[in-house]
C-alpha atoms as a PDB file:
ATOM      1  CA  MET A   1     132.710  69.671 103.485  1.00  0.00           C
ATOM      2  CA  LEU A   2     132.815  66.225 101.889  1.00  0.00           C
ATOM      3  CA  VAL A   3     129.346  64.672 102.104  1.00  0.00           C
ATOM      4  CA  ASP A   4     127.893  61.286 101.179  1.00  0.00           C
ATOM      5  CA  SER A   5     124.489  62.417  99.971  1.00  0.00           C
ATOM      6  CA  HIS A   6     123.081  58.897  99.502  1.00  0.00           C
ATOM      7  CA  CYS A   7     123.841  55.649 101.333  1.00  0.00           C
ATOM      8  CA  HIS A   8     121.932  52.814 102.990  1.00  0.00           C
ATOM      9  CA  LEU A   9     123.405  52.371 106.442  1.00  0.00           C
ATOM     10  CA  ASP A  10     120.385  50.427 107.690  1.00  0.00           C
ATOM     11  CA  PHE A  11     121.088  47.567 105.259  1.00  0.00           C
ATOM     12  CA  PRO A  12     122.246  44.244 106.744  1.00  0.00           C
ATOM     13  CA  ASP A  13     125.621  44.660 104.997  1.00  0.00           C
ATOM     14  CA  PHE A  14     126.654  47.106 107.733  1.00  0.00           C
ATOM     15  CA  ALA A  15     124.970  45.574 110.760  1.00  0.00           C
ATOM     16  CA  GLU A  16     128.042  43.966 112.303  1.00  0.00           C
ATOM     17  CA  GLU A  17     130.351  46.988 112.046  1.00  0.00           C
ATOM     18  CA  LEU A  18     128.241  50.092 111.658  1.00  0.00           C
ATOM     19  CA  ASP A  19     130.233  52.099 114.195  1.00  0.00           C
ATOM     20  CA  ALA A  20     133.474  51.272 112.388  1.00  0.00           C
ATOM     21  CA  VAL A  21     131.949  52.189 109.008  1.00  0.00           C
ATOM     22  CA  VAL A  22     130.850  55.601 110.270  1.00  0.00           C
ATOM     23  CA  ASP A  23     134.217  56.149 111.946  1.00  0.00           C
ATOM     24  CA  ARG A  24     136.077  55.363 108.717  1.00  0.00           C
ATOM     25  CA  ALA A  25     133.892  57.888 106.915  1.00  0.00           C
ATOM     26  CA  ARG A  26     134.791  60.539 109.454  1.00  0.00           C
ATOM     27  CA  GLN A  27     138.477  59.721 109.093  1.00  0.00           C
ATOM     28  CA  ALA A  28     138.107  60.139 105.323  1.00  0.00           C
ATOM     29  CA  GLY A  29     136.742  63.646 105.874  1.00  0.00           C
ATOM     30  CA  VAL A  30     133.047  62.880 105.330  1.00  0.00           C
ATOM     31  CA  ARG A  31     131.133  65.391 107.444  1.00  0.00           C
ATOM     32  CA  ARG A  32     127.550  64.285 106.766  1.00  0.00           C
ATOM     33  CA  MET A  33     125.868  61.071 105.567  1.00  0.00           C
ATOM     34  CA  VAL A  34     122.277  60.704 104.377  1.00  0.00           C
ATOM     35  CA  THR A  35     120.914  57.203 104.941  1.00  0.00           C
ATOM     36  CA  ILE A  36     118.067  56.638 102.525  1.00  0.00           C
ATOM     37  CA  CYS A  37     114.733  54.970 103.194  1.00  0.00           C
ATOM     38  CA  THR A  38     113.496  52.481 100.582  1.00  0.00           C
ATOM     39  CA  ARG A  39     110.435  51.117 102.441  1.00  0.00           C
ATOM     40  CA  VAL A  40     108.238  53.175 104.723  1.00  0.00           C
ATOM     41  CA  SER A  41     107.345  49.983 106.586  1.00  0.00           C
ATOM     42  CA  GLN A  42     111.004  49.818 107.659  1.00  0.00           C
ATOM     43  CA  PHE A  43     111.467  53.506 108.378  1.00  0.00           C
ATOM     44  CA  ASP A  44     112.022  52.871 112.088  1.00  0.00           C
ATOM     45  CA  LYS A  45     115.255  51.034 111.254  1.00  0.00           C
ATOM     46  CA  VAL A  46     116.435  53.906 109.081  1.00  0.00           C
ATOM     47  CA  LEU A  47     115.590  56.451 111.760  1.00  0.00           C
ATOM     48  CA  ALA A  48     117.367  54.400 114.436  1.00  0.00           C
ATOM     49  CA  VAL A  49     120.609  54.680 112.463  1.00  0.00           C
ATOM     50  CA  ALA A  50     120.190  58.432 111.992  1.00  0.00           C
ATOM     51  CA  GLU A  51     119.464  58.949 115.679  1.00  0.00           C
ATOM     52  CA  ARG A  52     122.532  56.916 116.656  1.00  0.00           C
ATOM     53  CA  PHE A  53     125.001  59.308 115.007  1.00  0.00           C
ATOM     54  CA  ASP A  54     125.066  63.097 115.087  1.00  0.00           C
ATOM     55  CA  ASP A  55     126.462  63.299 111.539  1.00  0.00           C
ATOM     56  CA  VAL A  56     123.892  60.957 109.949  1.00  0.00           C
ATOM     57  CA  VAL A  57     120.462  62.105 108.754  1.00  0.00           C
ATOM     58  CA  CYS A  58     117.775  60.246 106.827  1.00  0.00           C
ATOM     59  CA  THR A  59     114.899  60.363 104.359  1.00  0.00           C
ATOM     60  CA  VAL A  60     111.489  58.717 104.163  1.00  0.00           C
ATOM     61  CA  GLY A  61     110.175  57.075 101.018  1.00  0.00           C
ATOM     62  CA  VAL A  62     109.502  54.038  98.856  1.00  0.00           C
ATOM     63  CA  HIS A  63     111.912  52.756  96.221  1.00  0.00           C
ATOM     64  CA  PRO A  64     110.204  51.999  92.881  1.00  0.00           C
ATOM     65  CA  HIS A  65     111.047  48.310  93.367  1.00  0.00           C
ATOM     66  CA  GLU A  66     108.753  48.342  96.421  1.00  0.00           C
ATOM     67  CA  ALA A  67     105.950  50.476  95.011  1.00  0.00           C
ATOM     68  CA  ALA A  68     103.622  47.506  94.490  1.00  0.00           C
ATOM     69  CA  VAL A  69     103.806  46.351  98.113  1.00  0.00           C
ATOM     70  CA  GLU A  70     104.153  49.663  99.991  1.00  0.00           C
ATOM     71  CA  THR A  71     100.772  50.917  98.811  1.00  0.00           C
ATOM     72  CA  ASP A  72      99.844  52.703 102.040  1.00  0.00           C
ATOM     73  CA  ALA A  73     102.770  55.130 101.771  1.00  0.00           C
ATOM     74  CA  ASP A  74     100.675  57.969 100.407  1.00  0.00           C
ATOM     75  CA  THR A  75     101.459  61.677 100.489  1.00  0.00           C
ATOM     76  CA  ARG A  76      99.739  62.213 103.823  1.00  0.00           C
ATOM     77  CA  ARG A  77     101.779  59.509 105.552  1.00  0.00           C
ATOM     78  CA  LEU A  78     105.049  60.717 104.052  1.00  0.00           C
ATOM     79  CA  VAL A  79     104.345  64.272 105.186  1.00  0.00           C
ATOM     80  CA  GLN A  80     103.518  63.127 108.693  1.00  0.00           C
ATOM     81  CA  ILE A  81     106.712  61.084 109.091  1.00  0.00           C
ATOM     82  CA  ALA A  82     108.788  63.875 107.571  1.00  0.00           C
ATOM     83  CA  LYS A  83     108.022  66.095 110.564  1.00  0.00           C
ATOM     84  CA  HIS A  84     110.780  64.309 112.476  1.00  0.00           C
ATOM     85  CA  PRO A  85     113.833  66.613 112.628  1.00  0.00           C
ATOM     86  CA  LYS A  86     116.193  63.867 111.473  1.00  0.00           C
ATOM     87  CA  VAL A  87     114.244  63.502 108.206  1.00  0.00           C
ATOM     88  CA  VAL A  88     115.804  65.789 105.601  1.00  0.00           C
ATOM     89  CA  GLY A  89     114.365  64.505 102.327  1.00  0.00           C
ATOM     90  CA  ILE A  90     111.571  62.560 100.624  1.00  0.00           C
ATOM     91  CA  GLY A  91     112.459  59.309  98.845  1.00  0.00           C
ATOM     92  CA  GLU A  92     114.046  57.591  97.311  1.00  0.00           C
ATOM     93  CA  SER A  93     111.290  57.277  94.786  1.00  0.00           C
ATOM     94  CA  GLY A  94     111.132  57.223  91.036  1.00  0.00           C
ATOM     95  CA  LEU A  95     111.002  54.918  88.046  1.00  0.00           C
ATOM     96  CA  ASP A  96     112.971  51.752  87.334  1.00  0.00           C
ATOM     97  CA  TYR A  97     112.071  50.078  84.040  1.00  0.00           C
ATOM     98  CA  PHE A  98     115.239  47.948  84.012  1.00  0.00           C
ATOM     99  CA  TYR A  99     114.004  45.449  86.606  1.00  0.00           C
ATOM    100  CA  GLU A 100     110.302  46.419  86.769  1.00  0.00           C
ATOM    101  CA  HIS A 101     109.790  44.760  90.128  1.00  0.00           C
ATOM    102  CA  SER A 102     106.631  46.870  90.348  1.00  0.00           C
ATOM    103  CA  PRO A 103     104.223  47.707  87.508  1.00  0.00           C
ATOM    104  CA  ARG A 104     105.052  50.949  85.732  1.00  0.00           C
ATOM    105  CA  GLU A 105     101.682  52.478  86.561  1.00  0.00           C
ATOM    106  CA  ARG A 106     102.193  51.812  90.262  1.00  0.00           C
ATOM    107  CA  GLN A 107     105.727  53.249  90.150  1.00  0.00           C
ATOM    108  CA  GLN A 108     104.421  56.397  88.528  1.00  0.00           C
ATOM    109  CA  ALA A 109     101.598  56.815  91.040  1.00  0.00           C
ATOM    110  CA  SER A 110     103.983  56.340  93.952  1.00  0.00           C
ATOM    111  CA  PHE A 111     106.449  58.785  92.457  1.00  0.00           C
ATOM    112  CA  ARG A 112     103.781  61.455  92.047  1.00  0.00           C
ATOM    113  CA  ALA A 113     102.751  60.961  95.684  1.00  0.00           C
ATOM    114  CA  HIS A 114     106.356  61.568  96.709  1.00  0.00           C
ATOM    115  CA  VAL A 115     106.532  64.690  94.551  1.00  0.00           C
ATOM    116  CA  ALA A 116     103.449  66.006  96.336  1.00  0.00           C
ATOM    117  CA  ALA A 117     105.053  65.278  99.711  1.00  0.00           C
ATOM    118  CA  SER A 118     108.227  67.075  98.662  1.00  0.00           C
ATOM    119  CA  ARG A 119     106.202  70.067  97.511  1.00  0.00           C
ATOM    120  CA  GLU A 120     104.176  70.177 100.742  1.00  0.00           C
ATOM    121  CA  THR A 121     107.092  69.762 103.144  1.00  0.00           C
ATOM    122  CA  GLY A 122     109.656  71.791 101.222  1.00  0.00           C
ATOM    123  CA  LEU A 123     112.097  68.896 101.581  1.00  0.00           C
ATOM    124  CA  PRO A 124     114.085  67.746  98.534  1.00  0.00           C
ATOM    125  CA  LEU A 125     112.947  64.736  96.544  1.00  0.00           C
ATOM    126  CA  VAL A 126     115.540  61.959  96.149  1.00  0.00           C
ATOM    127  CA  ILE A 127     114.900  60.557  92.674  1.00  0.00           C
ATOM    128  CA  HIS A 128     115.747  57.105  91.304  1.00  0.00           C
ATOM    129  CA  ALA A 129     115.713  56.863  87.503  1.00  0.00           C
ATOM    130  CA  ARG A 130     116.812  53.831  85.505  1.00  0.00           C
ATOM    131  CA  ASP A 131     115.885  53.059  81.889  1.00  0.00           C
ATOM    132  CA  ALA A 132     112.918  55.422  82.181  1.00  0.00           C
ATOM    133  CA  ASP A 133     114.263  58.686  80.803  1.00  0.00           C
ATOM    134  CA  ASP A 134     111.243  59.712  78.716  1.00  0.00           C
ATOM    135  CA  ASP A 135     108.656  59.090  81.409  1.00  0.00           C
ATOM    136  CA  MET A 136     110.875  60.617  84.087  1.00  0.00           C
ATOM    137  CA  ALA A 137     111.380  63.794  82.066  1.00  0.00           C
ATOM    138  CA  ALA A 138     107.667  64.019  81.324  1.00  0.00           C
ATOM    139  CA  ILE A 139     106.564  63.518  84.935  1.00  0.00           C
ATOM    140  CA  LEU A 140     109.123  65.958  86.301  1.00  0.00           C
ATOM    141  CA  GLY A 141     107.950  68.570  83.810  1.00  0.00           C
ATOM    142  CA  GLU A 142     104.269  67.979  84.537  1.00  0.00           C
ATOM    143  CA  GLU A 143     104.709  68.016  88.299  1.00  0.00           C
ATOM    144  CA  MET A 144     106.899  71.091  88.294  1.00  0.00           C
ATOM    145  CA  GLY A 145     104.109  72.797  86.363  1.00  0.00           C
ATOM    146  CA  ARG A 146     101.738  72.023  89.239  1.00  0.00           C
ATOM    147  CA  GLY A 147     104.012  73.670  91.788  1.00  0.00           C
ATOM    148  CA  ARG A 148     107.718  73.997  92.453  1.00  0.00           C
ATOM    149  CA  PHE A 149     109.700  71.413  94.397  1.00  0.00           C
ATOM    150  CA  THR A 150     113.390  70.639  94.804  1.00  0.00           C
ATOM    151  CA  GLY A 151     115.224  67.398  94.301  1.00  0.00           C
ATOM    152  CA  VAL A 152     118.207  65.398  93.123  1.00  0.00           C
ATOM    153  CA  LEU A 153     118.601  62.668  90.537  1.00  0.00           C
ATOM    154  CA  HIS A 154     120.694  60.305  92.598  1.00  0.00           C
ATOM    155  CA  CYS A 155     123.331  57.878  91.305  1.00  0.00           C
ATOM    156  CA  PHE A 156     122.955  59.490  87.917  1.00  0.00           C
ATOM    157  CA  SER A 157     123.683  57.191  84.961  1.00  0.00           C
ATOM    158  CA  SER A 158     121.000  58.281  82.509  1.00  0.00           C
ATOM    159  CA  SER A 159     121.206  60.290  79.293  1.00  0.00           C
ATOM    160  CA  ARG A 160     122.608  63.772  78.898  1.00  0.00           C
ATOM    161  CA  GLN A 161     119.128  64.784  77.728  1.00  0.00           C
ATOM    162  CA  LEU A 162     117.587  63.817  81.074  1.00  0.00           C
ATOM    163  CA  ALA A 163     120.349  65.638  82.933  1.00  0.00           C
ATOM    164  CA  ASP A 164     119.720  68.797  80.904  1.00  0.00           C
ATOM    165  CA  LYS A 165     115.961  68.556  81.456  1.00  0.00           C
ATOM    166  CA  ALA A 166     116.398  68.107  85.187  1.00  0.00           C
ATOM    167  CA  ILE A 167     118.843  71.000  85.442  1.00  0.00           C
ATOM    168  CA  ASP A 168     116.427  73.242  83.542  1.00  0.00           C
ATOM    169  CA  LEU A 169     113.789  72.374  86.142  1.00  0.00           C
ATOM    170  CA  GLY A 170     116.093  73.182  89.067  1.00  0.00           C
ATOM    171  CA  ILE A 171     116.951  69.569  89.937  1.00  0.00           C
ATOM    172  CA  TYR A 172     120.442  68.610  91.129  1.00  0.00           C
ATOM    173  CA  ILE A 173     122.588  65.750  89.791  1.00  0.00           C
ATOM    174  CA  SER A 174     124.418  63.346  92.119  1.00  0.00           C
ATOM    175  CA  LEU A 175     127.275  61.168  90.881  1.00  0.00           C
ATOM    176  CA  SER A 176     128.256  57.813  92.347  1.00  0.00           C
ATOM    177  CA  GLY A 177     131.169  55.441  91.838  1.00  0.00           C
ATOM    178  CA  ILE A 178     129.802  54.610  88.379  1.00  0.00           C
ATOM    179  CA  VAL A 179     131.609  57.690  87.080  1.00  0.00           C
ATOM    180  CA  THR A 180     134.920  55.929  87.778  1.00  0.00           C
ATOM    181  CA  PHE A 181     134.046  52.753  85.841  1.00  0.00           C
ATOM    182  CA  LYS A 182     135.953  51.982  82.654  1.00  0.00           C
ATOM    183  CA  LYS A 183     132.917  51.974  80.355  1.00  0.00           C
ATOM    184  CA  ALA A 184     131.345  55.138  81.761  1.00  0.00           C
ATOM    185  CA  ASP A 185     132.733  57.552  79.146  1.00  0.00           C
ATOM    186  CA  GLU A 186     129.333  59.076  78.361  1.00  0.00           C
ATOM    187  CA  LEU A 187     128.646  59.668  82.047  1.00  0.00           C
ATOM    188  CA  ARG A 188     132.055  61.302  82.479  1.00  0.00           C
ATOM    189  CA  GLU A 189     131.180  63.734  79.709  1.00  0.00           C
ATOM    190  CA  THR A 190     127.950  64.560  81.522  1.00  0.00           C
ATOM    191  CA  ALA A 191     129.885  64.977  84.783  1.00  0.00           C
ATOM    192  CA  LYS A 192     132.037  67.627  83.117  1.00  0.00           C
ATOM    193  CA  ALA A 193     128.995  69.474  81.746  1.00  0.00           C
ATOM    194  CA  VAL A 194     126.718  69.674  84.817  1.00  0.00           C
ATOM    195  CA  PRO A 195     126.761  73.207  86.260  1.00  0.00           C
ATOM    196  CA  LEU A 196     129.079  73.168  89.257  1.00  0.00           C
ATOM    197  CA  ASP A 197     126.426  74.565  91.584  1.00  0.00           C
ATOM    198  CA  ARG A 198     124.089  71.621  90.808  1.00  0.00           C
ATOM    199  CA  LEU A 199     126.512  68.789  91.505  1.00  0.00           C
ATOM    200  CA  LEU A 200     126.564  66.329  94.419  1.00  0.00           C
ATOM    201  CA  VAL A 201     128.515  63.130  95.117  1.00  0.00           C
ATOM    202  CA  GLU A 202     127.400  59.941  96.824  1.00  0.00           C
ATOM    203  CA  THR A 203     128.196  56.273  97.323  1.00  0.00           C
ATOM    204  CA  ASP A 204     124.816  54.496  97.163  1.00  0.00           C
ATOM    205  CA  ALA A 205     126.583  52.182  99.608  1.00  0.00           C
ATOM    206  CA  PRO A 206     126.705  49.218  99.934  1.00  0.00           C
ATOM    207  CA  TYR A 207     126.526  49.187  96.117  1.00  0.00           C
ATOM    208  CA  LEU A 208     128.764  50.475  93.317  1.00  0.00           C
ATOM    209  CA  ALA A 209     132.136  50.882  95.012  1.00  0.00           C
ATOM    210  CA  PRO A 210     134.316  53.228  92.945  1.00  0.00           C
ATOM    211  CA  ILE A 211     137.669  52.367  91.449  1.00  0.00           C
ATOM    212  CA  PRO A 212     140.069  51.587  93.191  1.00  0.00           C
ATOM    213  CA  MET A 213     137.647  49.866  95.597  1.00  0.00           C
ATOM    214  CA  ARG A 214     135.679  48.118  92.845  1.00  0.00           C
ATOM    215  CA  GLY A 215     134.553  44.654  93.897  1.00  0.00           C
ATOM    216  CA  LYS A 216     134.407  45.526  97.590  1.00  0.00           C
ATOM    217  CA  ARG A 217     131.356  46.420  99.622  1.00  0.00           C
ATOM    218  CA  ASN A 218     130.910  50.146  99.237  1.00  0.00           C
ATOM    219  CA  GLU A 219     130.815  52.445 102.274  1.00  0.00           C
ATOM    220  CA  PRO A 220     130.591  56.213 102.865  1.00  0.00           C
ATOM    221  CA  ALA A 221     134.358  56.682 103.212  1.00  0.00           C
ATOM    222  CA  PHE A 222     134.717  55.711  99.548  1.00  0.00           C
ATOM    223  CA  VAL A 223     132.877  58.843  98.401  1.00  0.00           C
ATOM    224  CA  ALA A 224     136.316  60.463  98.566  1.00  0.00           C
ATOM    225  CA  HIS A 225     137.377  58.428  95.510  1.00  0.00           C
ATOM    226  CA  THR A 226     134.346  59.529  93.504  1.00  0.00           C
ATOM    227  CA  ALA A 227     134.908  63.146  94.469  1.00  0.00           C
ATOM    228  CA  ALA A 228     138.559  62.910  93.449  1.00  0.00           C
ATOM    229  CA  LYS A 229     137.622  61.523  90.031  1.00  0.00           C
ATOM    230  CA  VAL A 230     135.027  64.191  89.314  1.00  0.00           C
ATOM    231  CA  ALA A 231     137.368  66.948  90.470  1.00  0.00           C
ATOM    232  CA  GLU A 232     140.003  65.550  88.108  1.00  0.00           C
ATOM    233  CA  LEU A 233     137.534  65.452  85.220  1.00  0.00           C
ATOM    234  CA  ARG A 234     136.638  69.072  85.805  1.00  0.00           C
ATOM    235  CA  GLY A 235     140.224  70.213  86.331  1.00  0.00           C
ATOM    236  CA  MET A 236     139.463  71.438  89.849  1.00  0.00           C
ATOM    237  CA  ASP A 237     141.449  71.603  93.043  1.00  0.00           C
ATOM    238  CA  LEU A 238     140.129  68.784  95.217  1.00  0.00           C
ATOM    239  CA  GLN A 239     139.502  70.886  98.310  1.00  0.00           C
ATOM    240  CA  ALA A 240     137.666  73.466  96.226  1.00  0.00           C
ATOM    241  CA  PHE A 241     135.520  70.669  94.797  1.00  0.00           C
ATOM    242  CA  HIS A 242     134.754  69.397  98.307  1.00  0.00           C
ATOM    243  CA  ARG A 243     133.731  72.890  99.388  1.00  0.00           C
ATOM    244  CA  GLN A 244     131.508  73.483  96.377  1.00  0.00           C
ATOM    245  CA  THR A 245     129.686  70.147  96.484  1.00  0.00           C
ATOM    246  CA  GLY A 246     129.315  70.565 100.233  1.00  0.00           C
ATOM    247  CA  GLU A 247     127.733  73.979  99.741  1.00  0.00           C
ATOM    248  CA  ASN A 248     125.446  72.491  97.094  1.00  0.00           C
ATOM    249  CA  PHE A 249     124.391  69.781  99.515  1.00  0.00           C
ATOM    250  CA  PHE A 250     123.533  72.141 102.353  1.00  0.00           C
ATOM    251  CA  ARG A 251     121.670  74.434  99.975  1.00  0.00           C
ATOM    252  CA  LEU A 252     119.512  71.553  98.752  1.00  0.00           C
ATOM    253  CA  PHE A 253     119.173  69.655 102.031  1.00  0.00           C
ATOM    254  CA  SER A 254     118.500  72.801 104.005  1.00  0.00           C
ATOM    255  CA  ARG A 255     117.273  70.987 107.113  1.00  0.00           C
ATOM    256  CA  VAL A 256     120.673  69.363 107.655  1.00  0.00           C
ATOM    257  CA  PRO A 257     122.698  71.191 110.316  1.00  0.00           C
ATOM    258  CA  ARG A 258     126.064  72.397 109.091  1.00  0.00           C
ATOM    259  CA  PRO A 259     129.117  71.051 110.913  1.00  0.00           C
ATOM    260  CA  ALA A 260     131.069  73.367 113.158  1.00  0.00           C
ATOM    261  CA  ALA A 261     134.095  74.903 111.467  1.00  0.00           C
END
């Protein structure tokens, strides 16, 4: 039941050995991989990867870095594309005030359009949040007040306060290889506190390879290292942790077919 809930298999980093990358993930026990769309204009490439492998699914959305250039990716278009059976989520979308490659106002407008698409389709929202905790908490609260939706704060590295706010709203928390890094003590404390039924793991590959793979290109197989670290932090049997996070994943990403026993 080990799942990589967030990776980018359409990125050029994997182009020359994609089959081998997916095979290594399978050998590591990874049963499902979600390859995440960051630009609707390149969705066809994302979908092509998902259609190539039975155990890979995808999302549709616009990363906040691209919000200023992907201006035609409105709610209506997202909803239309999301009708494809391989699409299991909306995003990633959100707020990134660390780089601010797009104006904050445009990021916020794009994010709200994605929330609306998540609400309309019933598919979970894949949320990117970096250095934008206050605005993220405020928008999530406002939008949830307009109508319920589901989602996950992916590659979580924000404050405990944002985690608590998201959990109160029914949002899941996904941990990446960052939780294994030497200076991530605060995040490890959060990882121990998140309710077990709201926890996912991911790679965000090709980025953020976990220790002991730090410095290498990340890939879905390495999610096993992140899972092992979080299980250790929580004092859990590893297989039990795999089962629980797998159940959490299939509960949230309800369109994803479960693997045969």
